[in-house]
Amino acid sequence: MNKNIGYLIALAIALIAPFVGYPVFLMKLLCFGLFACAFNLLIGYTGLLSFGHAAFFGTAGYVTGYALGTLGLPTELGILAGVVAGALIGLVMGKLAIRRQGIYFSMITLALAQMVYFVMLKAPFTHGEDGLQGVPRGKLFGFIDLSNDVTMYYVVLAIFVGGFALIMRTVHSPFGQVLRAIKENEPRAISLGYDVDKYKLMAFVLSAALAALAGGTKTVVLGFETLTNVHWTMSGLVILMTLVGGMGTLVGPILGAFIIITLENKLSDVGGFLVRTTGVEWFSTLGESVGMVTGLIFIACVLLFRRGIVGEIGAAFAAANRKKKVA
């Protein structure tokens, strides 16, 4: 019940957010939050560490951008095309990768994702290093004009809530319980008669499709797509988001995504404020040191918050409840 109240409060805040903050930035936060949740479904609940999720995120962005900008498809069909493309790549990558475990699985996903990156670099429809520019938002279902940022925000919020609800339903379903069993003790799951490879593949494809949904939506929001979103560094970034927020928690990846993306976009503003406050000119370089700051945050989380922010908070509350029961 407490969790449901928390979700309702978060939804209420999200509904009024575009009237307080910058809608485009908020939409970017939601897209990356969904991306991190999709990745967390795989690593946090199935125990599979993928280094190739940028392939789904970036490919969906390119396919959606091409479908809207060149083919002139409606917005909903453009995003759907991106999701289908991401899911198909996820199916191929999954079939090849799930035959291995541990670091071998991770390295296969990384190698296959880099192949996708080079395809996107050379494919004519992606325009190489220039990327896709001027992707139109269009009209959703033919009558909802998405050129208005506030209208677009509520569409993105609906997509985010729908994706998050699907993840929540999956985690708490019998299918999700099998995924947890595979993560905790795969040989035992096999001995109980479960087709582990089939469950892994289904989780991989679902995670890829949700990551593609986030990537396609982000392209519609920003109006462009570049190679950055399909590069291996994007896979590293979503891993960082998940670890910072709390792997294996529902809201942890969202918090981690919000923190990392906010740092990337607002760190220079913080530096400017510190310069004006302290008079130390060095702080003006903070905007160019995002990688260093996020690296320090990652180190701090590994050393001090190994469960991530949400995971540590949850562990603290659980410990306090145990003490009350003992007392």
Foldseek 3Di string as FASTA:
>chain_A
DVVVVVVVVVVVCLLCVVVPDPLLLVLLLLLLLLLLLLQLLQCQQQNAQALQLLLLLQQLQLQLLCCCPPVVDANVVSLVRSLVVLLVLLLVLLVVQLVDDDPSSRVSNQVSLVVSLVCLQPPPSQVHQVGRAQRALHAHVNHRHPPDSSSLSVVSVVLSVVSLVVSVCCCPDPLSVLSNVCNVPVVVSVVVPDPSSVSSSVSSSSSSSSSSSSSNSSCSSVRTHGSVSSDSVVSVQSVLLPQQQFRNDSCRSSVSSVVLSCCQVCQQVVLVVCCVVPVDNVSNCRNVCSVVVSVVSSVCCVVPVRRHDVGVVVVVVVVVVVVVVVD
